[in-house]
PDB file of N, CA and C in Angstrom:
ATOM      1  N   MET A   1     -19.289 -13.227   3.947  1.00  0.00           N
ATOM      2  CA  MET A   1     -19.616 -11.774   3.226  1.00  0.00           C
ATOM      3  C   MET A   1     -18.585 -11.121   3.477  1.00  0.00           C
ATOM      4  N   TYR A   2     -18.404 -10.057   2.404  1.00  0.00           N
ATOM      5  CA  TYR A   2     -17.178  -8.640   2.986  1.00  0.00           C
ATOM      6  C   TYR A   2     -17.770  -7.889   3.899  1.00  0.00           C
ATOM      7  N   ASP A   3     -17.007  -7.194   4.558  1.00  0.00           N
ATOM      8  CA  ASP A   3     -17.169  -6.070   5.534  1.00  0.00           C
ATOM      9  C   ASP A   3     -16.160  -5.394   5.159  1.00  0.00           C
ATOM     10  N   SER A   4     -16.546  -4.345   4.494  1.00  0.00           N
ATOM     11  CA  SER A   4     -15.730  -3.280   4.412  1.00  0.00           C
ATOM     12  C   SER A   4     -14.928  -3.008   5.427  1.00  0.00           C
ATOM     13  N   GLU A   5     -15.702  -2.680   6.461  1.00  0.00           N
ATOM     14  CA  GLU A   5     -15.397  -1.610   7.907  1.00  0.00           C
ATOM     15  C   GLU A   5     -14.123  -2.870   8.435  1.00  0.00           C
ATOM     16  N   LEU A   6     -14.349  -3.897   7.945  1.00  0.00           N
ATOM     17  CA  LEU A   6     -12.993  -4.741   8.792  1.00  0.00           C
ATOM     18  C   LEU A   6     -11.727  -4.793   8.004  1.00  0.00           C
ATOM     19  N   ASP A   7     -11.934  -3.987   6.924  1.00  0.00           N
ATOM     20  CA  ASP A   7     -10.694  -4.120   5.587  1.00  0.00           C
ATOM     21  C   ASP A   7     -10.108  -2.807   5.908  1.00  0.00           C
ATOM     22  N   SER A   8      -8.849  -2.847   6.855  1.00  0.00           N
ATOM     23  CA  SER A   8      -8.494  -1.996   7.204  1.00  0.00           C
ATOM     24  C   SER A   8      -7.473  -1.252   6.029  1.00  0.00           C
ATOM     25  N   PRO A   9      -6.757  -0.039   5.555  1.00  0.00           N
ATOM     26  CA  PRO A   9      -6.183  -0.003   4.158  1.00  0.00           C
ATOM     27  C   PRO A   9      -5.062  -0.236   4.512  1.00  0.00           C
ATOM     28  N   PRO A  10      -3.934  -0.399   3.186  1.00  0.00           N
ATOM     29  CA  PRO A  10      -2.462  -0.956   3.596  1.00  0.00           C
ATOM     30  C   PRO A  10      -1.656   0.299   4.258  1.00  0.00           C
ATOM     31  N   GLN A  11      -0.814   0.151   4.799  1.00  0.00           N
ATOM     32  CA  GLN A  11       0.059   1.295   5.374  1.00  0.00           C
ATOM     33  C   GLN A  11       1.161   1.333   4.417  1.00  0.00           C
ATOM     34  N   PRO A  12       1.301   2.573   3.989  1.00  0.00           N
ATOM     35  CA  PRO A  12       2.663   2.928   3.853  1.00  0.00           C
ATOM     36  C   PRO A  12       3.832   2.871   4.340  1.00  0.00           C
ATOM     37  N   PRO A  13       4.660   2.154   3.288  1.00  0.00           N
ATOM     38  CA  PRO A  13       6.141   1.737   3.906  1.00  0.00           C
ATOM     39  C   PRO A  13       6.789   3.149   4.690  1.00  0.00           C
ATOM     40  N   ARG A  14       7.834   3.022   5.555  1.00  0.00           N
ATOM     41  CA  ARG A  14       8.385   3.965   5.832  1.00  0.00           C
ATOM     42  C   ARG A  14       9.838   4.804   5.227  1.00  0.00           C
ATOM     43  N   CYS A  15       9.708   5.830   4.706  1.00  0.00           N
ATOM     44  CA  CYS A  15      10.911   6.405   3.831  1.00  0.00           C
ATOM     45  C   CYS A  15      12.030   6.416   4.467  1.00  0.00           C
ATOM     46  N   PRO A  16      13.067   5.913   3.837  1.00  0.00           N
ATOM     47  CA  PRO A  16      13.972   5.702   4.833  1.00  0.00           C
ATOM     48  C   PRO A  16      15.045   7.177   4.984  1.00  0.00           C
ATOM     49  N   GLU A  17      15.393   8.008   5.882  1.00  0.00           N
ATOM     50  CA  GLU A  17      15.977   9.141   6.558  1.00  0.00           C
ATOM     51  C   GLU A  17      17.349   9.052   5.474  1.00  0.00           C
ATOM     52  N   PRO A  18      17.548  10.435   4.916  1.00  0.00           N
ATOM     53  CA  PRO A  18      18.454  10.729   3.695  1.00  0.00           C
ATOM     54  C   PRO A  18      20.323   9.784   4.614  1.00  0.00           C
ATOM     55  N   GLN A  19      20.313   9.740   5.571  1.00  0.00           N
ATOM     56  CA  GLN A  19      21.761   9.044   6.302  1.00  0.00           C
ATOM     57  C   GLN A  19      21.597   7.899   6.611  1.00  0.00           C
ATOM     58  N   GLU A  20      20.201   6.885   6.559  1.00  0.00           N
ATOM     59  CA  GLU A  20      20.007   5.861   6.224  1.00  0.00           C
ATOM     60  C   GLU A  20      20.996   5.399   4.987  1.00  0.00           C
ATOM     61  N   CYS A  21      21.057   5.879   3.881  1.00  0.00           N
ATOM     62  CA  CYS A  21      22.182   5.571   3.065  1.00  0.00           C
ATOM     63  C   CYS A  21      23.425   5.693   3.202  1.00  0.00           C
ATOM     64  N   CYS A  22      24.202   4.847   2.964  1.00  0.00           N
ATOM     65  CA  CYS A  22      25.430   5.140   3.072  1.00  0.00           C
ATOM     66  C   CYS A  22      26.459   5.528   1.759  1.00  0.00           C
ATOM     67  N   ASP A  23      25.562   5.698   1.080  1.00  0.00           N
ATOM     68  CA  ASP A  23      26.355   5.977  -0.398  1.00  0.00           C
ATOM     69  C   ASP A  23      27.509   5.307  -1.027  1.00  0.00           C
ATOM     70  N   SER A  24      27.468   4.188  -0.874  1.00  0.00           N
ATOM     71  CA  SER A  24      28.615   3.271  -1.405  1.00  0.00           C
ATOM     72  C   SER A  24      28.198   2.474  -2.429  1.00  0.00           C
ATOM     73  N   GLY A  25      27.118   2.410  -2.876  1.00  0.00           N
ATOM     74  CA  GLY A  25      26.894   1.854  -3.727  1.00  0.00           C
ATOM     75  C   GLY A  25      26.337   0.433  -3.706  1.00  0.00           C
ATOM     76  N   CYS A  26      25.614   0.261  -2.443  1.00  0.00           N
ATOM     77  CA  CYS A  26      25.060  -0.895  -2.007  1.00  0.00           C
ATOM     78  C   CYS A  26      23.966  -1.368  -2.907  1.00  0.00           C
ATOM     79  N   ASP A  27      24.015  -2.631  -3.479  1.00  0.00           N
ATOM     80  CA  ASP A  27      23.069  -2.934  -3.935  1.00  0.00           C
ATOM     81  C   ASP A  27      22.038  -4.576  -3.320  1.00  0.00           C
ATOM     82  N   PRO A  28      21.017  -4.139  -2.490  1.00  0.00           N
ATOM     83  CA  PRO A  28      20.359  -3.450  -3.318  1.00  0.00           C
ATOM     84  C   PRO A  28      20.364  -2.142  -1.835  1.00  0.00           C
ATOM     85  N   CYS A  29      20.506  -1.074  -2.074  1.00  0.00           N
ATOM     86  CA  CYS A  29      20.020   0.034  -1.376  1.00  0.00           C
ATOM     87  C   CYS A  29      18.901   0.057  -0.630  1.00  0.00           C
ATOM     88  N   VAL A  30      18.951   1.088   0.478  1.00  0.00           N
ATOM     89  CA  VAL A  30      17.773   1.413   0.917  1.00  0.00           C
ATOM     90  C   VAL A  30      16.972   1.621   0.560  1.00  0.00           C
ATOM     91  N   PHE A  31      16.962   2.408  -0.125  1.00  0.00           N
ATOM     92  CA  PHE A  31      15.922   3.282  -0.890  1.00  0.00           C
ATOM     93  C   PHE A  31      15.431   2.168  -2.392  1.00  0.00           C
ATOM     94  N   ASP A  32      16.270   1.608  -2.590  1.00  0.00           N
ATOM     95  CA  ASP A  32      15.649   0.526  -3.628  1.00  0.00           C
ATOM     96  C   ASP A  32      14.652  -0.613  -2.856  1.00  0.00           C
ATOM     97  N   LEU A  33      14.935  -0.466  -1.836  1.00  0.00           N
ATOM     98  CA  LEU A  33      13.782  -1.567  -1.202  1.00  0.00           C
ATOM     99  C   LEU A  33      12.861  -0.857  -0.816  1.00  0.00           C
ATOM    100  N   TYR A  34      12.859   0.632  -0.364  1.00  0.00           N
ATOM    101  CA  TYR A  34      11.860   1.553  -0.472  1.00  0.00           C
ATOM    102  C   TYR A  34      10.791   1.405  -1.114  1.00  0.00           C
ATOM    103  N   ASN A  35      11.557   1.685  -3.146  1.00  0.00           N
ATOM    104  CA  ASN A  35      10.810   1.935  -3.423  1.00  0.00           C
ATOM    105  C   ASN A  35      10.157   0.438  -3.947  1.00  0.00           C
ATOM    106  N   GLU A  36      10.475  -0.681  -3.903  1.00  0.00           N
ATOM    107  CA  GLU A  36       9.793  -1.951  -4.096  1.00  0.00           C
ATOM    108  C   GLU A  36       8.673  -1.942  -3.343  1.00  0.00           C
ATOM    109  N   GLU A  37       8.944  -1.565  -2.196  1.00  0.00           N
ATOM    110  CA  GLU A  37       7.962  -1.545  -0.919  1.00  0.00           C
ATOM    111  C   GLU A  37       6.937  -0.573  -1.789  1.00  0.00           C
ATOM    112  N   LEU A  38       7.276   0.342  -1.863  1.00  0.00           N
ATOM    113  CA  LEU A  38       6.206   1.499  -2.074  1.00  0.00           C
ATOM    114  C   LEU A  38       5.300   1.154  -3.527  1.00  0.00           C
ATOM    115  N   ALA A  39       6.279   0.464  -4.230  1.00  0.00           N
ATOM    116  CA  ALA A  39       5.475   0.089  -5.571  1.00  0.00           C
ATOM    117  C   ALA A  39       4.168  -1.421  -4.962  1.00  0.00           C
ATOM    118  N   LEU A  40       4.960  -1.870  -4.080  1.00  0.00           N
ATOM    119  CA  LEU A  40       3.857  -2.912  -3.539  1.00  0.00           C
ATOM    120  C   LEU A  40       2.759  -2.433  -3.027  1.00  0.00           C
ATOM    121  N   TYR A  41       2.973  -1.287  -1.747  1.00  0.00           N
ATOM    122  CA  TYR A  41       1.478  -0.738  -1.108  1.00  0.00           C
ATOM    123  C   TYR A  41       0.918  -0.046  -2.176  1.00  0.00           C
ATOM    124  N   ARG A  42       1.185   0.541  -3.611  1.00  0.00           N
ATOM    125  CA  ARG A  42       0.404   0.947  -4.319  1.00  0.00           C
ATOM    126  C   ARG A  42      -0.645   0.515  -4.987  1.00  0.00           C
ATOM    127  N   ALA A  43       0.130  -1.005  -5.219  1.00  0.00           N
ATOM    128  CA  ALA A  43      -0.651  -1.998  -5.818  1.00  0.00           C
ATOM    129  C   ALA A  43      -1.955  -2.246  -4.540  1.00  0.00           C
ATOM    130  N   ASN A  44      -1.417  -2.657  -3.611  1.00  0.00           N
ATOM    131  CA  ASN A  44      -2.045  -3.281  -2.446  1.00  0.00           C
ATOM    132  C   ASN A  44      -3.137  -2.087  -1.923  1.00  0.00           C
ATOM    133  N   LEU A  45      -2.588  -0.944  -1.899  1.00  0.00           N
ATOM    134  CA  LEU A  45      -4.013   0.365  -1.706  1.00  0.00           C
ATOM    135  C   LEU A  45      -4.566  -0.189  -2.957  1.00  0.00           C
ATOM    136  N   ALA A  46      -4.505   0.084  -4.280  1.00  0.00           N
ATOM    137  CA  ALA A  46      -5.803   0.038  -5.789  1.00  0.00           C
ATOM    138  C   ALA A  46      -6.458  -1.089  -5.402  1.00  0.00           C
ATOM    139  N   GLN A  47      -6.203  -2.512  -4.863  1.00  0.00           N
ATOM    140  CA  GLN A  47      -6.780  -3.304  -4.463  1.00  0.00           C
ATOM    141  C   GLN A  47      -7.759  -3.174  -3.711  1.00  0.00           C
ATOM    142  N   TRP A  48      -7.212  -2.434  -2.289  1.00  0.00           N
ATOM    143  CA  TRP A  48      -7.792  -1.925  -1.186  1.00  0.00           C
ATOM    144  C   TRP A  48      -9.309  -1.045  -1.852  1.00  0.00           C
ATOM    145  N   GLU A  49      -9.058  -0.113  -2.034  1.00  0.00           N
ATOM    146  CA  GLU A  49      -9.653   0.646  -3.152  1.00  0.00           C
ATOM    147  C   GLU A  49     -10.868   0.273  -3.942  1.00  0.00           C
ATOM    148  N   ARG A  50     -10.215  -0.567  -4.717  1.00  0.00           N
ATOM    149  CA  ARG A  50     -11.452  -1.285  -5.844  1.00  0.00           C
ATOM    150  C   ARG A  50     -12.381  -2.025  -4.822  1.00  0.00           C
ATOM    151  N   ARG A  51     -11.772  -2.897  -3.425  1.00  0.00           N
ATOM    152  CA  ARG A  51     -12.875  -3.471  -2.661  1.00  0.00           C
ATOM    153  C   ARG A  51     -13.765  -2.527  -2.244  1.00  0.00           C
ATOM    154  N   GLN A  52     -13.500  -1.381  -1.500  1.00  0.00           N
ATOM    155  CA  GLN A  52     -14.418  -0.668  -1.087  1.00  0.00           C
ATOM    156  C   GLN A  52     -15.026   0.202  -2.114  1.00  0.00           C
ATOM    157  N   ARG A  53     -14.675   0.505  -3.159  1.00  0.00           N
ATOM    158  CA  ARG A  53     -15.835   0.732  -4.264  1.00  0.00           C
ATOM    159  C   ARG A  53     -16.960  -0.120  -4.576  1.00  0.00           C
ATOM    160  N   GLU A  54     -16.860  -1.344  -4.799  1.00  0.00           N
ATOM    161  CA  GLU A  54     -17.244  -2.255  -5.089  1.00  0.00           C
ATOM    162  C   GLU A  54     -18.262  -2.762  -3.946  1.00  0.00           C
ATOM    163  N   ALA A  55     -17.838  -2.735  -2.460  1.00  0.00           N
ATOM    164  CA  ALA A  55     -18.646  -3.012  -1.528  1.00  0.00           C
ATOM    165  C   ALA A  55     -19.495  -1.427  -1.573  1.00  0.00           C
ATOM    166  N   GLY A  56     -19.554  -0.421  -1.637  1.00  0.00           N
ATOM    167  CA  GLY A  56     -20.054   0.655  -1.554  1.00  0.00           C
ATOM    168  C   GLY A  56     -21.354   0.478  -2.619  1.00  0.00           C
ATOM    169  N   GLN A  57     -20.758   0.197  -4.121  1.00  0.00           N
ATOM    170  CA  GLN A  57     -21.865  -0.134  -4.499  1.00  0.00           C
ATOM    171  C   GLN A  57     -22.781  -1.544  -4.485  1.00  0.00           C
ATOM    172  N   GLN A  58     -22.154  -2.383  -3.632  1.00  0.00           N
ATOM    173  CA  GLN A  58     -23.338  -3.359  -3.317  1.00  0.00           C
ATOM    174  C   GLN A  58     -24.106  -2.945  -2.110  1.00  0.00           C
ATOM    175  N   ALA A  59     -23.785  -2.308  -1.240  1.00  0.00           N
ATOM    176  CA  ALA A  59     -24.507  -1.339  -0.296  1.00  0.00           C
ATOM    177  C   ALA A  59     -25.832  -0.972  -0.949  1.00  0.00           C
ATOM    178  N   GLY A  60     -25.477  -0.410  -1.966  1.00  0.00           N
ATOM    179  CA  GLY A  60     -26.180   0.681  -2.846  1.00  0.00           C
ATOM    180  C   GLY A  60     -27.460   0.003  -3.389  1.00  0.00           C
ATOM    181  N   THR A  61     -26.852  -1.503  -3.927  1.00  0.00           N
ATOM    182  CA  THR A  61     -27.978  -2.233  -4.619  1.00  0.00           C
ATOM    183  C   THR A  61     -28.347  -3.073  -3.138  1.00  0.00           C
ATOM    184  N   ASP A  62     -28.129  -3.139  -2.249  1.00  0.00           N
ATOM    185  CA  ASP A  62     -28.618  -4.178  -1.268  1.00  0.00           C
ATOM    186  C   ASP A  62     -30.097  -2.873  -0.577  1.00  0.00           C
ATOM    187  N   LYS A  63     -30.554  -2.447  -0.768  1.00  0.00           N
ATOM    188  CA  LYS A  63     -31.623  -1.392  -0.025  1.00  0.00           C
ATOM    189  C   LYS A  63     -32.685  -1.551  -1.118  1.00  0.00           C
TER     190      LYS A  63
END
């Protein structure tokens, strides 16, 4: 059985500080990596929110 209280939300990635970029055109740049991590975080957050909604709806029908 799914326990929504044990399902913690994903944590957003830490945004690099401007000085962490060396401005030399690295591939990948720290900001490229951050953007990839941010996209993954957003996808995981959407899945987590869906699970929470579904658990809430399930709890409403269990009463």
